[in-house]
Amino acid sequence: MAESVIGKKSFDFAVNIINFYKRFSSEKKEFILSKQILRSGTSVGANIREALNAQSTMDFIHKLSISQKECDETIYWLELLSATDYISKEEFESLKAPATEILKMIRSIIITTKNKTHNS
């Protein structure tokens, strides 16, 4: 089975989040916020993976909805870290841009799937 674009992007994003967590926790010695972003940032791809293996269309939408929330939460933590000068603007943008792209893709997939479901 060919790998989905969103599956690949979310996996790559999770790898970047893990690497960010390792640097951030060791350099800044900050463990609360870094754990939050680690959890939400890696959960995005995990829920997308679950959605790709969903048992029904409703299950697919539900798993993607969870992924959407986790992605938006990750952006929140990034914004918080940026606003409090824990991370540079460059580091913020390097993580926020792919998170925003993934979030838009998830939302688009959910809307398209709901429209197809309602029109069938």
Protein backbone atom coordinates (compact mmCIF):
# COMPACT_ATOMS: atom_id res chain seq x y z
CA MET A 1 0.00 0.00 0.00
CA ALA A 2 1.37 3.41 -0.94
CA GLU A 3 2.12 5.73 1.95
CA SER A 4 -0.24 8.66 2.26
CA VAL A 5 1.12 12.19 1.96
CA ILE A 6 -0.39 13.20 5.29
CA GLY A 7 0.96 10.04 6.91
CA LYS A 8 4.48 10.90 5.73
CA LYS A 9 4.23 14.58 6.68
CA SER A 10 2.89 13.78 10.15
CA PHE A 11 5.60 11.16 10.71
CA ASP A 12 8.33 13.59 9.66
CA PHE A 13 6.77 16.23 11.93
CA ALA A 14 6.80 13.79 14.86
CA VAL A 15 10.51 13.10 14.24
CA ASN A 16 11.18 16.86 14.29
CA ILE A 17 9.18 17.24 17.50
CA ILE A 18 11.13 14.43 19.17
CA ASN A 19 14.42 16.02 18.12
CA PHE A 20 13.16 19.40 19.35
CA TYR A 21 12.20 17.82 22.68
CA LYS A 22 15.62 16.22 23.11
CA ARG A 23 17.42 19.53 22.45
CA PHE A 24 14.96 21.67 24.38
CA SER A 25 14.88 19.54 27.51
CA SER A 26 18.66 19.12 27.62
CA GLU A 27 19.62 22.73 26.74
CA LYS A 28 16.87 24.65 28.54
CA LYS A 29 16.28 22.14 31.34
CA GLU A 30 12.55 22.67 30.87
CA PHE A 31 10.51 19.52 31.31
CA ILE A 32 6.84 20.44 31.73
CA LEU A 33 6.16 22.36 28.52
CA SER A 34 8.54 20.18 26.55
CA LYS A 35 6.61 17.03 27.59
CA GLN A 36 3.34 18.68 26.55
CA ILE A 37 4.63 19.45 23.07
CA LEU A 38 6.17 15.98 22.82
CA ARG A 39 2.83 14.35 23.64
CA SER A 40 0.66 16.46 21.36
CA GLY A 41 3.17 16.66 18.51
CA THR A 42 3.67 12.91 18.28
CA SER A 43 -0.02 12.18 18.80
CA VAL A 44 -0.87 13.92 15.51
CA GLY A 45 0.73 11.20 13.41
CA ALA A 46 -0.38 8.38 15.68
CA ASN A 47 -4.02 9.37 15.24
CA ILE A 48 -3.57 9.84 11.51
CA ARG A 49 -2.13 6.31 11.37
CA GLU A 50 -5.19 5.07 13.28
CA ALA A 51 -7.48 6.95 10.88
CA LEU A 52 -5.81 5.30 7.90
CA ASN A 53 -6.73 1.96 9.48
CA ALA A 54 -10.23 3.00 10.51
CA GLN A 55 -13.05 0.48 10.54
CA SER A 56 -15.62 2.88 9.12
CA THR A 57 -15.99 6.35 7.66
CA MET A 58 -17.21 7.68 11.01
CA ASP A 59 -14.21 6.11 12.76
CA PHE A 60 -11.93 7.70 10.13
CA ILE A 61 -13.46 11.14 10.75
CA HIS A 62 -13.28 10.67 14.53
CA LYS A 63 -9.58 9.73 14.48
CA LEU A 64 -8.76 12.63 12.18
CA SER A 65 -10.71 14.97 14.47
CA ILE A 66 -8.53 13.89 17.38
CA SER A 67 -5.45 14.45 15.23
CA GLN A 68 -6.75 17.91 14.33
CA LYS A 69 -7.11 18.82 17.99
CA GLU A 70 -3.64 17.51 18.83
CA CYS A 71 -2.11 19.45 15.95
CA ASP A 72 -3.81 22.66 17.04
CA GLU A 73 -2.66 22.02 20.62
CA THR A 74 0.91 21.61 19.38
CA ILE A 75 0.68 24.98 17.63
CA TYR A 76 -0.59 26.46 20.90
CA TRP A 77 2.44 25.15 22.83
CA LEU A 78 4.76 26.48 20.11
CA GLU A 79 3.10 29.90 20.31
CA LEU A 80 3.44 29.87 24.08
CA LEU A 81 7.13 28.92 23.93
CA SER A 82 7.75 31.65 21.37
CA ALA A 83 5.83 34.32 23.31
CA THR A 84 7.85 33.58 26.44
CA ASP A 85 11.18 33.56 24.55
CA TYR A 86 11.93 29.92 25.27
CA ILE A 87 12.48 29.40 21.54
CA SER A 88 13.70 31.68 18.77
CA LYS A 89 11.42 33.00 16.04
CA GLU A 90 13.31 30.81 13.55
CA GLU A 91 12.78 27.66 15.59
CA PHE A 92 9.14 28.61 16.11
CA GLU A 93 8.57 29.05 12.38
CA SER A 94 10.45 25.86 11.48
CA LEU A 95 7.97 23.86 13.58
CA LYS A 96 4.83 25.95 13.18
CA ALA A 97 4.86 25.98 9.37
CA PRO A 98 4.64 22.18 8.95
CA ALA A 99 2.15 21.93 11.82
CA THR A 100 -0.07 24.50 10.12
CA GLU A 101 0.22 22.67 6.80
CA ILE A 102 -0.74 19.37 8.43
CA LEU A 103 -3.65 21.02 10.26
CA LYS A 104 -4.99 22.44 6.99
CA MET A 105 -4.66 19.04 5.31
CA ILE A 106 -6.50 17.31 8.16
CA ARG A 107 -9.32 19.85 8.07
CA SER A 108 -9.63 19.51 4.30
CA ILE A 109 -9.75 15.70 4.49
CA ILE A 110 -12.43 15.83 7.21
CA ILE A 111 -14.58 18.27 5.21
CA THR A 112 -14.19 16.28 1.98
CA THR A 113 -15.02 13.01 3.71
CA LYS A 114 -18.09 14.49 5.41
CA ASN A 115 -19.29 15.95 2.10
CA LYS A 116 -18.86 12.61 0.32
CA THR A 117 -20.68 10.84 3.15
CA HIS A 118 -23.60 13.27 3.07
CA ASN A 119 -23.84 13.17 -0.74
CA SER A 120 -23.92 9.38 -1.03
